[in-house]
Each structure stands twice: as C-alpha cells, then as structure tokens.
Amino acid sequence: MRIGDLAARTGVNRRLLRYYEEQGLLRPVRLGNGYREYRDSDVAAVRHIRALLAAGLPTAVIARVLDCIQGSEGLITPSHCPTFIDDLRRERTRIATTIEQLQTSQNALDSLLDAALREP
C-alpha cells in the first residue's frame, strides 16, 4: 500500500509517517519510482507507535522496544527483548521526575499568583 493508504487506515498524516520513517520506526520498501510501499504489518506498527508515544516514550526508546510488541492487540513478548522492562521502567522514572518538577513549578506559580492578587 502507498503512504496515502497507510495514512487513511491509521488516521496518521503523511508527514508524521515520513517522520516515523526518518526515526527508523517504519521501514517501507522503496519502489523503483521512489514511492514507498507499506505492508499490512505497518498498520499495526503505526498503532503501536502511537500508543507508545501516548505513554510518553520518545522515539529513540520506541525504536528500541517496537519490535517487542507483536500483533494487533499489542501483545508484549519481552522474551526476545531482554531490556524491554528496564527501558519501560527507566522511562516511567523519567516521567515521574518530570511530573514532580512540573508540580514544583506549578506550586511556585500559584504562590506568585496569590501574592500578585493580594497586592492593592
């Protein structure tokens, strides 16, 4: 299938699909005329990429773990991916740290806002 077909089947625009290819997340076959040719398995791959992005994983991590996710239901098979769990735990810790930092910033802004609203 062509990129337009993949975009239609996944709801992801062509520009993002090209970006996923640049990041090594998708590997379409290039035809002699330069067109990309996608497989049916790329539909599931795009869905997995979107789910991993929604979970907060950067594309570099997704590139490492994408092959650990098999099937259209997102079945995880870490047996052939020994670092899969470690990668996910590391990213969860990174996200938790970011949340803490954002909460600290939010509290500081709340204090500034309260002080500014009390000023005559």
PDB file of N, CA and C in Angstrom:
ATOM      1  N   MET A   1       0.843  -1.179   0.000  1.00  0.00           N
ATOM      2  CA  MET A   1       0.000   0.000   0.000  1.00  0.00           C
ATOM      3  C   MET A   1       0.883   1.235   0.000  1.00  0.00           C
ATOM      4  N   ARG A   2       0.373   2.300  -0.494  1.00  0.00           N
ATOM      5  CA  ARG A   2       1.096   3.566  -0.564  1.00  0.00           C
ATOM      6  C   ARG A   2       0.900   4.368   0.716  1.00  0.00           C
ATOM      7  N   ILE A   3       1.643   5.435   0.862  1.00  0.00           N
ATOM      8  CA  ILE A   3       1.599   6.229   2.077  1.00  0.00           C
ATOM      9  C   ILE A   3       0.211   6.818   2.342  1.00  0.00           C
ATOM     10  N   GLY A   4      -0.489   7.203   1.284  1.00  0.00           N
ATOM     11  CA  GLY A   4      -1.838   7.729   1.456  1.00  0.00           C
ATOM     12  C   GLY A   4      -2.798   6.686   2.009  1.00  0.00           C
ATOM     13  N   ASP A   5      -2.623   5.446   1.572  1.00  0.00           N
ATOM     14  CA  ASP A   5      -3.445   4.354   2.082  1.00  0.00           C
ATOM     15  C   ASP A   5      -3.157   4.096   3.556  1.00  0.00           C
ATOM     16  N   LEU A   6      -1.873   4.119   3.904  1.00  0.00           N
ATOM     17  CA  LEU A   6      -1.494   3.917   5.304  1.00  0.00           C
ATOM     18  C   LEU A   6      -2.033   5.050   6.169  1.00  0.00           C
ATOM     19  N   ALA A   7      -1.960   6.261   5.674  1.00  0.00           N
ATOM     20  CA  ALA A   7      -2.495   7.413   6.403  1.00  0.00           C
ATOM     21  C   ALA A   7      -3.994   7.248   6.629  1.00  0.00           C
ATOM     22  N   ALA A   8      -4.700   6.812   5.610  1.00  0.00           N
ATOM     23  CA  ALA A   8      -6.150   6.631   5.725  1.00  0.00           C
ATOM     24  C   ALA A   8      -6.496   5.514   6.711  1.00  0.00           C
ATOM     25  N   ARG A   9      -5.738   4.433   6.680  1.00  0.00           N
ATOM     26  CA  ARG A   9      -6.035   3.287   7.548  1.00  0.00           C
ATOM     27  C   ARG A   9      -5.663   3.536   9.002  1.00  0.00           C
ATOM     28  N   THR A  10      -4.718   4.442   9.252  1.00  0.00           N
ATOM     29  CA  THR A  10      -4.255   4.662  10.625  1.00  0.00           C
ATOM     30  C   THR A  10      -4.715   5.992  11.215  1.00  0.00           C
ATOM     31  N   GLY A  11      -5.142   6.911  10.358  1.00  0.00           N
ATOM     32  CA  GLY A  11      -5.518   8.236  10.836  1.00  0.00           C
ATOM     33  C   GLY A  11      -4.325   9.108  11.154  1.00  0.00           C
ATOM     34  N   VAL A  12      -3.152   8.714  10.703  1.00  0.00           N
ATOM     35  CA  VAL A  12      -1.919   9.469  10.926  1.00  0.00           C
ATOM     36  C   VAL A  12      -1.526  10.124   9.610  1.00  0.00           C
ATOM     37  N   ASN A  13      -1.227  11.427   9.654  1.00  0.00           N
ATOM     38  CA  ASN A  13      -0.956  12.112   8.389  1.00  0.00           C
ATOM     39  C   ASN A  13       0.381  11.686   7.779  1.00  0.00           C
ATOM     40  N   ARG A  14       0.505  11.960   6.504  1.00  0.00           N
ATOM     41  CA  ARG A  14       1.684  11.543   5.742  1.00  0.00           C
ATOM     42  C   ARG A  14       2.985  12.112   6.308  1.00  0.00           C
ATOM     43  N   ARG A  15       2.931  13.356   6.756  1.00  0.00           N
ATOM     44  CA  ARG A  15       4.136  13.994   7.301  1.00  0.00           C
ATOM     45  C   ARG A  15       4.650  13.202   8.512  1.00  0.00           C
ATOM     46  N   LEU A  16       3.746  12.796   9.398  1.00  0.00           N
ATOM     47  CA  LEU A  16       4.149  12.008  10.564  1.00  0.00           C
ATOM     48  C   LEU A  16       4.670  10.643  10.152  1.00  0.00           C
ATOM     49  N   LEU A  17       4.053  10.033   9.171  1.00  0.00           N
ATOM     50  CA  LEU A  17       4.537   8.735   8.696  1.00  0.00           C
ATOM     51  C   LEU A  17       5.947   8.854   8.145  1.00  0.00           C
ATOM     52  N   ARG A  18       6.231   9.934   7.437  1.00  0.00           N
ATOM     53  CA  ARG A  18       7.595  10.160   6.936  1.00  0.00           C
ATOM     54  C   ARG A  18       8.568  10.373   8.104  1.00  0.00           C
ATOM     55  N   TYR A  19       8.106  11.102   9.128  1.00  0.00           N
ATOM     56  CA  TYR A  19       8.932  11.315  10.321  1.00  0.00           C
ATOM     57  C   TYR A  19       9.237   9.979  11.006  1.00  0.00           C
ATOM     58  N   TYR A  20       8.234   9.121  11.119  1.00  0.00           N
ATOM     59  CA  TYR A  20       8.466   7.807  11.723  1.00  0.00           C
ATOM     60  C   TYR A  20       9.510   7.033  10.923  1.00  0.00           C
ATOM     61  N   GLU A  21       9.459   7.174   9.616  1.00  0.00           N
ATOM     62  CA  GLU A  21      10.463   6.520   8.776  1.00  0.00           C
ATOM     63  C   GLU A  21      11.846   7.110   9.035  1.00  0.00           C
ATOM     64  N   GLU A  22      11.949   8.434   9.129  1.00  0.00           N
ATOM     65  CA  GLU A  22      13.228   9.093   9.409  1.00  0.00           C
ATOM     66  C   GLU A  22      13.819   8.628  10.741  1.00  0.00           C
ATOM     67  N   GLN A  23      12.939   8.358  11.695  1.00  0.00           N
ATOM     68  CA  GLN A  23      13.379   7.920  13.018  1.00  0.00           C
ATOM     69  C   GLN A  23      13.664   6.417  13.071  1.00  0.00           C
ATOM     70  N   GLY A  24      13.468   5.723  11.970  1.00  0.00           N
ATOM     71  CA  GLY A  24      13.725   4.286  11.908  1.00  0.00           C
ATOM     72  C   GLY A  24      12.608   3.435  12.484  1.00  0.00           C
ATOM     73  N   LEU A  25      11.442   4.026  12.686  1.00  0.00           N
ATOM     74  CA  LEU A  25      10.321   3.287  13.255  1.00  0.00           C
ATOM     75  C   LEU A  25       9.549   2.515  12.195  1.00  0.00           C
ATOM     76  N   LEU A  26       9.516   3.030  10.992  1.00  0.00           N
ATOM     77  CA  LEU A  26       8.904   2.354   9.850  1.00  0.00           C
ATOM     78  C   LEU A  26       9.972   2.149   8.795  1.00  0.00           C
ATOM     79  N   ARG A  27       9.893   1.031   8.104  1.00  0.00           N
ATOM     80  CA  ARG A  27      10.876   0.714   7.070  1.00  0.00           C
ATOM     81  C   ARG A  27      10.174   0.249   5.788  1.00  0.00           C
ATOM     82  N   PRO A  28       9.528   1.184   5.097  1.00  0.00           N
ATOM     83  CA  PRO A  28       8.843   0.773   3.869  1.00  0.00           C
ATOM     84  C   PRO A  28       9.844   0.407   2.780  1.00  0.00           C
ATOM     85  N   VAL A  29       9.376  -0.385   1.864  1.00  0.00           N
ATOM     86  CA  VAL A  29      10.168  -0.733   0.689  1.00  0.00           C
ATOM     87  C   VAL A  29      10.090   0.449  -0.267  1.00  0.00           C
ATOM     88  N   ARG A  30      11.204   0.802  -0.863  1.00  0.00           N
ATOM     89  CA  ARG A  30      11.207   1.867  -1.877  1.00  0.00           C
ATOM     90  C   ARG A  30      11.133   1.225  -3.250  1.00  0.00           C
ATOM     91  N   LEU A  31      10.139   1.631  -4.000  1.00  0.00           N
ATOM     92  CA  LEU A  31       9.985   1.123  -5.355  1.00  0.00           C
ATOM     93  C   LEU A  31      10.935   1.859  -6.291  1.00  0.00           C
ATOM     94  N   GLY A  32      11.078   1.368  -7.494  1.00  0.00           N
ATOM     95  CA  GLY A  32      11.967   1.975  -8.478  1.00  0.00           C
ATOM     96  C   GLY A  32      11.639   3.423  -8.769  1.00  0.00           C
ATOM     97  N   ASN A  33      10.368   3.793  -8.648  1.00  0.00           N
ATOM     98  CA  ASN A  33       9.956   5.161  -8.911  1.00  0.00           C
ATOM     99  C   ASN A  33      10.080   6.056  -7.674  1.00  0.00           C
ATOM    100  N   GLY A  34      10.615   5.501  -6.569  1.00  0.00           N
ATOM    101  CA  GLY A  34      10.818   6.274  -5.355  1.00  0.00           C
ATOM    102  C   GLY A  34       9.653   6.242  -4.386  1.00  0.00           C
ATOM    103  N   TYR A  35       8.530   5.660  -4.812  1.00  0.00           N
ATOM    104  CA  TYR A  35       7.377   5.578  -3.924  1.00  0.00           C
ATOM    105  C   TYR A  35       7.655   4.606  -2.777  1.00  0.00           C
ATOM    106  N   ARG A  36       7.041   4.896  -1.644  1.00  0.00           N
ATOM    107  CA  ARG A  36       7.124   3.991  -0.504  1.00  0.00           C
ATOM    108  C   ARG A  36       6.027   2.937  -0.649  1.00  0.00           C
ATOM    109  N   GLU A  37       6.364   1.723  -0.328  1.00  0.00           N
ATOM    110  CA  GLU A  37       5.382   0.641  -0.351  1.00  0.00           C
ATOM    111  C   GLU A  37       5.321   0.055   1.061  1.00  0.00           C
ATOM    112  N   TYR A  38       4.148   0.177   1.701  1.00  0.00           N
ATOM    113  CA  TYR A  38       3.957  -0.294   3.070  1.00  0.00           C
ATOM    114  C   TYR A  38       3.246  -1.637   3.072  1.00  0.00           C
ATOM    115  N   ARG A  39       3.516  -2.409   4.119  1.00  0.00           N
ATOM    116  CA  ARG A  39       2.879  -3.710   4.295  1.00  0.00           C
ATOM    117  C   ARG A  39       1.708  -3.571   5.267  1.00  0.00           C
ATOM    118  N   ASP A  40       0.858  -4.581   5.316  1.00  0.00           N
ATOM    119  CA  ASP A  40      -0.247  -4.584   6.268  1.00  0.00           C
ATOM    120  C   ASP A  40       0.278  -4.523   7.702  1.00  0.00           C
ATOM    121  N   SER A  41       1.435  -5.114   7.958  1.00  0.00           N
ATOM    122  CA  SER A  41       2.011  -5.098   9.311  1.00  0.00           C
ATOM    123  C   SER A  41       2.381  -3.679   9.746  1.00  0.00           C
ATOM    124  N   ASP A  42       2.567  -2.778   8.780  1.00  0.00           N
ATOM    125  CA  ASP A  42       2.884  -1.388   9.125  1.00  0.00           C
ATOM    126  C   ASP A  42       1.689  -0.680   9.761  1.00  0.00           C
ATOM    127  N   VAL A  43       0.482  -1.132   9.476  1.00  0.00           N
ATOM    128  CA  VAL A  43      -0.705  -0.552  10.107  1.00  0.00           C
ATOM    129  C   VAL A  43      -0.630  -0.796  11.612  1.00  0.00           C
ATOM    130  N   ALA A  44      -0.345  -2.042  12.002  1.00  0.00           N
ATOM    131  CA  ALA A  44      -0.203  -2.368  13.428  1.00  0.00           C
ATOM    132  C   ALA A  44       0.974  -1.621  14.031  1.00  0.00           C
ATOM    133  N   ALA A  45       2.078  -1.520  13.286  1.00  0.00           N
ATOM    134  CA  ALA A  45       3.258  -0.813  13.796  1.00  0.00           C
ATOM    135  C   ALA A  45       2.933   0.642  14.100  1.00  0.00           C
ATOM    136  N   VAL A  46       2.194   1.305  13.214  1.00  0.00           N
ATOM    137  CA  VAL A  46       1.825   2.709  13.443  1.00  0.00           C
ATOM    138  C   VAL A  46       0.947   2.816  14.687  1.00  0.00           C
ATOM    139  N   ARG A  47       0.032   1.890  14.856  1.00  0.00           N
ATOM    140  CA  ARG A  47      -0.819   1.908  16.060  1.00  0.00           C
ATOM    141  C   ARG A  47       0.015   1.725  17.322  1.00  0.00           C
ATOM    142  N   HIS A  48       0.995   0.840  17.261  1.00  0.00           N
ATOM    143  CA  HIS A  48       1.884   0.642  18.411  1.00  0.00           C
ATOM    144  C   HIS A  48       2.711   1.894  18.684  1.00  0.00           C
ATOM    145  N   ILE A  49       3.213   2.507  17.638  1.00  0.00           N
ATOM    146  CA  ILE A  49       3.993   3.747  17.784  1.00  0.00           C
ATOM    147  C   ILE A  49       3.142   4.809  18.465  1.00  0.00           C
ATOM    148  N   ARG A  50       1.909   4.973  18.018  1.00  0.00           N
ATOM    149  CA  ARG A  50       1.023   5.982  18.600  1.00  0.00           C
ATOM    150  C   ARG A  50       0.756   5.691  20.076  1.00  0.00           C
ATOM    151  N   ALA A  51       0.558   4.427  20.419  1.00  0.00           N
ATOM    152  CA  ALA A  51       0.304   4.057  21.815  1.00  0.00           C
ATOM    153  C   ALA A  51       1.532   4.333  22.678  1.00  0.00           C
ATOM    154  N   LEU A  52       2.713   4.037  22.164  1.00  0.00           N
ATOM    155  CA  LEU A  52       3.945   4.269  22.915  1.00  0.00           C
ATOM    156  C   LEU A  52       4.224   5.762  23.056  1.00  0.00           C
ATOM    157  N   LEU A  53       3.937   6.531  22.021  1.00  0.00           N
ATOM    158  CA  LEU A  53       4.075   7.986  22.120  1.00  0.00           C
ATOM    159  C   LEU A  53       3.103   8.545  23.160  1.00  0.00           C
ATOM    160  N   ALA A  54       1.877   8.031  23.160  1.00  0.00           N
ATOM    161  CA  ALA A  54       0.880   8.480  24.137  1.00  0.00           C
ATOM    162  C   ALA A  54       1.308   8.149  25.562  1.00  0.00           C
ATOM    163  N   ALA A  55       2.097   7.091  25.720  1.00  0.00           N
ATOM    164  CA  ALA A  55       2.616   6.709  27.034  1.00  0.00           C
ATOM    165  C   ALA A  55       3.806   7.574  27.445  1.00  0.00           C
ATOM    166  N   GLY A  56       4.229   8.464  26.540  1.00  0.00           N
ATOM    167  CA  GLY A  56       5.308   9.390  26.873  1.00  0.00           C
ATOM    168  C   GLY A  56       6.698   8.942  26.464  1.00  0.00           C
ATOM    169  N   LEU A  57       6.799   7.855  25.712  1.00  0.00           N
ATOM    170  CA  LEU A  57       8.116   7.392  25.300  1.00  0.00           C
ATOM    171  C   LEU A  57       8.634   8.207  24.117  1.00  0.00           C
ATOM    172  N   PRO A  58       9.905   8.593  24.153  1.00  0.00           N
ATOM    173  CA  PRO A  58      10.490   9.277  22.994  1.00  0.00           C
ATOM    174  C   PRO A  58      10.752   8.280  21.866  1.00  0.00           C
ATOM    175  N   THR A  59      10.885   8.801  20.669  1.00  0.00           N
ATOM    176  CA  THR A  59      11.058   7.917  19.510  1.00  0.00           C
ATOM    177  C   THR A  59      12.321   7.064  19.600  1.00  0.00           C
ATOM    178  N   ALA A  60      13.365   7.545  20.258  1.00  0.00           N
ATOM    179  CA  ALA A  60      14.582   6.743  20.395  1.00  0.00           C
ATOM    180  C   ALA A  60      14.310   5.480  21.203  1.00  0.00           C
ATOM    181  N   VAL A  61      13.511   5.599  22.231  1.00  0.00           N
ATOM    182  CA  VAL A  61      13.150   4.424  23.034  1.00  0.00           C
ATOM    183  C   VAL A  61      12.188   3.541  22.256  1.00  0.00           C
ATOM    184  N   ILE A  62      11.248   4.158  21.566  1.00  0.00           N
ATOM    185  CA  ILE A  62      10.300   3.382  20.768  1.00  0.00           C
ATOM    186  C   ILE A  62      11.044   2.541  19.740  1.00  0.00           C
ATOM    187  N   ALA A  63      12.083   3.099  19.145  1.00  0.00           N
ATOM    188  CA  ALA A  63      12.873   2.351  18.157  1.00  0.00           C
ATOM    189  C   ALA A  63      13.477   1.096  18.783  1.00  0.00           C
ATOM    190  N   ARG A  64      13.830   1.177  20.068  1.00  0.00           N
ATOM    191  CA  ARG A  64      14.424   0.010  20.743  1.00  0.00           C
ATOM    192  C   ARG A  64      13.383  -1.035  21.125  1.00  0.00           C
ATOM    193  N   VAL A  65      12.167  -0.612  21.459  1.00  0.00           N
ATOM    194  CA  VAL A  65      11.188  -1.555  22.001  1.00  0.00           C
ATOM    195  C   VAL A  65      10.087  -1.943  21.021  1.00  0.00           C
ATOM    196  N   LEU A  66       9.982  -1.273  19.904  1.00  0.00           N
ATOM    197  CA  LEU A  66       8.876  -1.512  18.976  1.00  0.00           C
ATOM    198  C   LEU A  66       8.785  -2.969  18.539  1.00  0.00           C
ATOM    199  N   ASP A  67       9.917  -3.597  18.290  1.00  0.00           N
ATOM    200  CA  ASP A  67       9.902  -4.990  17.850  1.00  0.00           C
ATOM    201  C   ASP A  67       9.482  -5.948  18.958  1.00  0.00           C
ATOM    202  N   CYS A  68       9.395  -5.463  20.193  1.00  0.00           N
ATOM    203  CA  CYS A  68       8.961  -6.296  21.322  1.00  0.00           C
ATOM    204  C   CYS A  68       7.449  -6.402  21.389  1.00  0.00           C
ATOM    205  N   ILE A  69       6.755  -5.594  20.630  1.00  0.00           N
ATOM    206  CA  ILE A  69       5.294  -5.582  20.653  1.00  0.00           C
ATOM    207  C   ILE A  69       4.805  -6.261  19.386  1.00  0.00           C
ATOM    208  N   GLN A  70       4.046  -7.304  19.576  1.00  0.00           N
ATOM    209  CA  GLN A  70       3.594  -8.103  18.441  1.00  0.00           C
ATOM    210  C   GLN A  70       2.081  -8.120  18.365  1.00  0.00           C
ATOM    211  N   GLY A  71       1.533  -8.226  17.178  1.00  0.00           N
ATOM    212  CA  GLY A  71       0.106  -8.407  16.973  1.00  0.00           C
ATOM    213  C   GLY A  71      -0.689  -7.132  17.053  1.00  0.00           C
ATOM    214  N   SER A  72      -1.917  -7.212  16.606  1.00  0.00           N
ATOM    215  CA  SER A  72      -2.772  -6.035  16.566  1.00  0.00           C
ATOM    216  C   SER A  72      -3.307  -5.673  17.940  1.00  0.00           C
ATOM    217  N   GLU A  73      -3.248  -6.583  18.887  1.00  0.00           N
ATOM    218  CA  GLU A  73      -3.736  -6.316  20.235  1.00  0.00           C
ATOM    219  C   GLU A  73      -2.639  -5.768  21.142  1.00  0.00           C
ATOM    220  N   GLY A  74      -1.432  -5.574  20.626  1.00  0.00           N
ATOM    221  CA  GLY A  74      -0.357  -5.015  21.435  1.00  0.00           C
ATOM    222  C   GLY A  74       0.202  -6.020  22.416  1.00  0.00           C
ATOM    223  N   LEU A  75       0.219  -7.281  22.046  1.00  0.00           N
ATOM    224  CA  LEU A  75       0.747  -8.332  22.899  1.00  0.00           C
ATOM    225  C   LEU A  75       2.239  -8.115  23.100  1.00  0.00           C
ATOM    226  N   ILE A  76       2.665  -8.066  24.329  1.00  0.00           N
ATOM    227  CA  ILE A  76       4.070  -7.819  24.626  1.00  0.00           C
ATOM    228  C   ILE A  76       4.784  -9.154  24.778  1.00  0.00           C
ATOM    229  N   THR A  77       5.916  -9.273  24.096  1.00  0.00           N
ATOM    230  CA  THR A  77       6.695 -10.508  24.171  1.00  0.00           C
ATOM    231  C   THR A  77       8.135 -10.177  24.548  1.00  0.00           C
ATOM    232  N   PRO A  78       8.381  -9.902  25.834  1.00  0.00           N
ATOM    233  CA  PRO A  78       9.729  -9.496  26.231  1.00  0.00           C
ATOM    234  C   PRO A  78      10.749 -10.620  26.235  1.00  0.00           C
ATOM    235  N   SER A  79      10.370 -11.854  25.964  1.00  0.00           N
ATOM    236  CA  SER A  79      11.341 -12.948  25.997  1.00  0.00           C
ATOM    237  C   SER A  79      12.483 -12.727  25.014  1.00  0.00           C
ATOM    238  N   HIS A  80      12.193 -12.144  23.863  1.00  0.00           N
ATOM    239  CA  HIS A  80      13.254 -11.860  22.900  1.00  0.00           C
ATOM    240  C   HIS A  80      13.745 -10.416  23.017  1.00  0.00           C
ATOM    241  N   CYS A  81      13.307  -9.734  24.070  1.00  0.00           N
ATOM    242  CA  CYS A  81      13.685  -8.342  24.307  1.00  0.00           C
ATOM    243  C   CYS A  81      14.121  -8.192  25.760  1.00  0.00           C
ATOM    244  N   PRO A  82      15.324  -8.591  26.074  1.00  0.00           N
ATOM    245  CA  PRO A  82      15.748  -8.612  27.477  1.00  0.00           C
ATOM    246  C   PRO A  82      15.770  -7.251  28.162  1.00  0.00           C
ATOM    247  N   THR A  83      15.896  -6.168  27.421  1.00  0.00           N
ATOM    248  CA  THR A  83      15.946  -4.850  28.070  1.00  0.00           C
ATOM    249  C   THR A  83      14.599  -4.138  28.066  1.00  0.00           C
ATOM    250  N   PHE A  84      13.570  -4.782  27.558  1.00  0.00           N
ATOM    251  CA  PHE A  84      12.257  -4.164  27.415  1.00  0.00           C
ATOM    252  C   PHE A  84      11.740  -3.595  28.737  1.00  0.00           C
ATOM    253  N   ILE A  85      11.719  -4.403  29.775  1.00  0.00           N
ATOM    254  CA  ILE A  85      11.206  -3.978  31.076  1.00  0.00           C
ATOM    255  C   ILE A  85      12.071  -2.853  31.637  1.00  0.00           C
ATOM    256  N   ASP A  86      13.384  -2.983  31.522  1.00  0.00           N
ATOM    257  CA  ASP A  86      14.282  -1.924  32.010  1.00  0.00           C
ATOM    258  C   ASP A  86      14.036  -0.606  31.285  1.00  0.00           C
ATOM    259  N   ASP A  87      13.841  -0.670  29.973  1.00  0.00           N
ATOM    260  CA  ASP A  87      13.565   0.545  29.196  1.00  0.00           C
ATOM    261  C   ASP A  87      12.271   1.207  29.678  1.00  0.00           C
ATOM    262  N   LEU A  88      11.237   0.405  29.887  1.00  0.00           N
ATOM    263  CA  LEU A  88       9.964   0.960  30.339  1.00  0.00           C
ATOM    264  C   LEU A  88      10.076   1.542  31.748  1.00  0.00           C
ATOM    265  N   ARG A  89      10.778   0.849  32.626  1.00  0.00           N
ATOM    266  CA  ARG A  89      10.954   1.365  33.990  1.00  0.00           C
ATOM    267  C   ARG A  89      11.742   2.671  33.991  1.00  0.00           C
ATOM    268  N   ARG A  90      12.781   2.741  33.188  1.00  0.00           N
ATOM    269  CA  ARG A  90      13.597   3.949  33.093  1.00  0.00           C
ATOM    270  C   ARG A  90      12.756   5.130  32.597  1.00  0.00           C
ATOM    271  N   GLU A  91      11.921   4.888  31.611  1.00  0.00           N
ATOM    272  CA  GLU A  91      11.069   5.948  31.082  1.00  0.00           C
ATOM    273  C   GLU A  91      10.001   6.357  32.089  1.00  0.00           C
ATOM    274  N   ARG A  92       9.479   5.394  32.839  1.00  0.00           N
ATOM    275  CA  ARG A  92       8.497   5.726  33.871  1.00  0.00           C
ATOM    276  C   ARG A  92       9.129   6.607  34.938  1.00  0.00           C
ATOM    277  N   THR A  93      10.345   6.295  35.332  1.00  0.00           N
ATOM    278  CA  THR A  93      11.060   7.111  36.317  1.00  0.00           C
ATOM    279  C   THR A  93      11.295   8.512  35.776  1.00  0.00           C
ATOM    280  N   ARG A  94      11.691   8.613  34.521  1.00  0.00           N
ATOM    281  CA  ARG A  94      11.924   9.921  33.894  1.00  0.00           C
ATOM    282  C   ARG A  94      10.637  10.746  33.899  1.00  0.00           C
ATOM    283  N   ILE A  95       9.525  10.122  33.549  1.00  0.00           N
ATOM    284  CA  ILE A  95       8.249  10.830  33.511  1.00  0.00           C
ATOM    285  C   ILE A  95       7.826  11.254  34.916  1.00  0.00           C
ATOM    286  N   ALA A  96       8.006  10.369  35.903  1.00  0.00           N
ATOM    287  CA  ALA A  96       7.645  10.706  37.287  1.00  0.00           C
ATOM    288  C   ALA A  96       8.468  11.893  37.781  1.00  0.00           C
ATOM    289  N   THR A  97       9.739  11.932  37.438  1.00  0.00           N
ATOM    290  CA  THR A  97      10.606  13.050  37.825  1.00  0.00           C
ATOM    291  C   THR A  97      10.131  14.343  37.175  1.00  0.00           C
ATOM    292  N   THR A  98       9.761  14.265  35.910  1.00  0.00           N
ATOM    293  CA  THR A  98       9.253  15.440  35.198  1.00  0.00           C
ATOM    294  C   THR A  98       7.961  15.939  35.840  1.00  0.00           C
ATOM    295  N   ILE A  99       7.093  15.023  36.210  1.00  0.00           N
ATOM    296  CA  ILE A  99       5.841  15.413  36.871  1.00  0.00           C
ATOM    297  C   ILE A  99       6.126  16.132  38.181  1.00  0.00           C
ATOM    298  N   GLU A 100       7.062  15.613  38.956  1.00  0.00           N
ATOM    299  CA  GLU A 100       7.434  16.263  40.224  1.00  0.00           C
ATOM    300  C   GLU A 100       7.959  17.677  39.974  1.00  0.00           C
ATOM    301  N   GLN A 101       8.803  17.834  38.970  1.00  0.00           N
ATOM    302  CA  GLN A 101       9.346  19.147  38.648  1.00  0.00           C
ATOM    303  C   GLN A 101       8.238  20.095  38.207  1.00  0.00           C
ATOM    304  N   LEU A 102       7.308  19.604  37.425  1.00  0.00           N
ATOM    305  CA  LEU A 102       6.193  20.442  36.976  1.00  0.00           C
ATOM    306  C   LEU A 102       5.284  20.827  38.148  1.00  0.00           C
ATOM    307  N   GLN A 103       5.084  19.916  39.082  1.00  0.00           N
ATOM    308  CA  GLN A 103       4.275  20.239  40.255  1.00  0.00           C
ATOM    309  C   GLN A 103       4.960  21.307  41.111  1.00  0.00           C
ATOM    310  N   THR A 104       6.275  21.228  41.226  1.00  0.00           N
ATOM    311  CA  THR A 104       7.024  22.251  41.954  1.00  0.00           C
ATOM    312  C   THR A 104       6.870  23.599  41.259  1.00  0.00           C
ATOM    313  N   SER A 105       6.969  23.611  39.948  1.00  0.00           N
ATOM    314  CA  SER A 105       6.786  24.852  39.181  1.00  0.00           C
ATOM    315  C   SER A 105       5.368  25.381  39.341  1.00  0.00           C
ATOM    316  N   GLN A 106       4.395  24.498  39.299  1.00  0.00           N
ATOM    317  CA  GLN A 106       3.005  24.917  39.458  1.00  0.00           C
ATOM    318  C   GLN A 106       2.787  25.540  40.839  1.00  0.00           C
ATOM    319  N   ASN A 107       3.341  24.934  41.879  1.00  0.00           N
ATOM    320  CA  ASN A 107       3.212  25.485  43.231  1.00  0.00           C
ATOM    321  C   ASN A 107       3.854  26.865  43.326  1.00  0.00           C
ATOM    322  N   ALA A 108       5.013  27.040  42.701  1.00  0.00           N
ATOM    323  CA  ALA A 108       5.689  28.338  42.716  1.00  0.00           C
ATOM    324  C   ALA A 108       4.841  29.384  41.991  1.00  0.00           C
ATOM    325  N   LEU A 109       4.267  29.014  40.858  1.00  0.00           N
ATOM    326  CA  LEU A 109       3.404  29.944  40.126  1.00  0.00           C
ATOM    327  C   LEU A 109       2.149  30.280  40.918  1.00  0.00           C
ATOM    328  N   ASP A 110       1.594  29.286  41.586  1.00  0.00           N
ATOM    329  CA  ASP A 110       0.419  29.541  42.434  1.00  0.00           C
ATOM    330  C   ASP A 110       0.747  30.549  43.521  1.00  0.00           C
ATOM    331  N   SER A 111       1.919  30.409  44.140  1.00  0.00           N
ATOM    332  CA  SER A 111       2.340  31.356  45.178  1.00  0.00           C
ATOM    333  C   SER A 111       2.504  32.759  44.624  1.00  0.00           C
ATOM    334  N   LEU A 112       3.139  32.876  43.451  1.00  0.00           N
ATOM    335  CA  LEU A 112       3.300  34.177  42.813  1.00  0.00           C
ATOM    336  C   LEU A 112       1.947  34.787  42.450  1.00  0.00           C
ATOM    337  N   LEU A 113       1.054  33.980  41.948  1.00  0.00           N
ATOM    338  CA  LEU A 113      -0.271  34.459  41.568  1.00  0.00           C
ATOM    339  C   LEU A 113      -1.044  34.924  42.803  1.00  0.00           C
ATOM    340  N   ASP A 114      -0.975  34.146  43.863  1.00  0.00           N
ATOM    341  CA  ASP A 114      -1.649  34.536  45.111  1.00  0.00           C
ATOM    342  C   ASP A 114      -1.107  35.881  45.622  1.00  0.00           C
ATOM    343  N   ALA A 115       0.221  36.014  45.606  1.00  0.00           N
ATOM    344  CA  ALA A 115       0.840  37.245  46.073  1.00  0.00           C
ATOM    345  C   ALA A 115       0.429  38.432  45.190  1.00  0.00           C
ATOM    346  N   ALA A 116       0.390  38.213  43.879  1.00  0.00           N
ATOM    347  CA  ALA A 116       0.030  39.284  42.947  1.00  0.00           C
ATOM    348  C   ALA A 116      -1.424  39.689  43.120  1.00  0.00           C
ATOM    349  N   LEU A 117      -2.283  38.752  43.428  1.00  0.00           N
ATOM    350  CA  LEU A 117      -3.705  39.071  43.602  1.00  0.00           C
ATOM    351  C   LEU A 117      -3.981  39.769  44.925  1.00  0.00           C
ATOM    352  N   ARG A 118      -3.102  39.607  45.906  1.00  0.00           N
ATOM    353  CA  ARG A 118      -3.263  40.268  47.189  1.00  0.00           C
ATOM    354  C   ARG A 118      -2.770  41.707  47.167  1.00  0.00           C
ATOM    355  N   GLU A 119      -1.945  42.048  46.217  1.00  0.00           N
ATOM    356  CA  GLU A 119      -1.396  43.410  46.120  1.00  0.00           C
ATOM    357  C   GLU A 119      -2.521  44.393  45.819  1.00  0.00           C
ATOM    358  N   PRO A 120      -2.531  45.539  46.537  1.00  0.00           N
ATOM    359  CA  PRO A 120      -3.585  46.552  46.284  1.00  0.00           C
ATOM    360  C   PRO A 120      -3.351  47.336  45.011  1.00  0.00           C
TER     361      PRO A 120
END
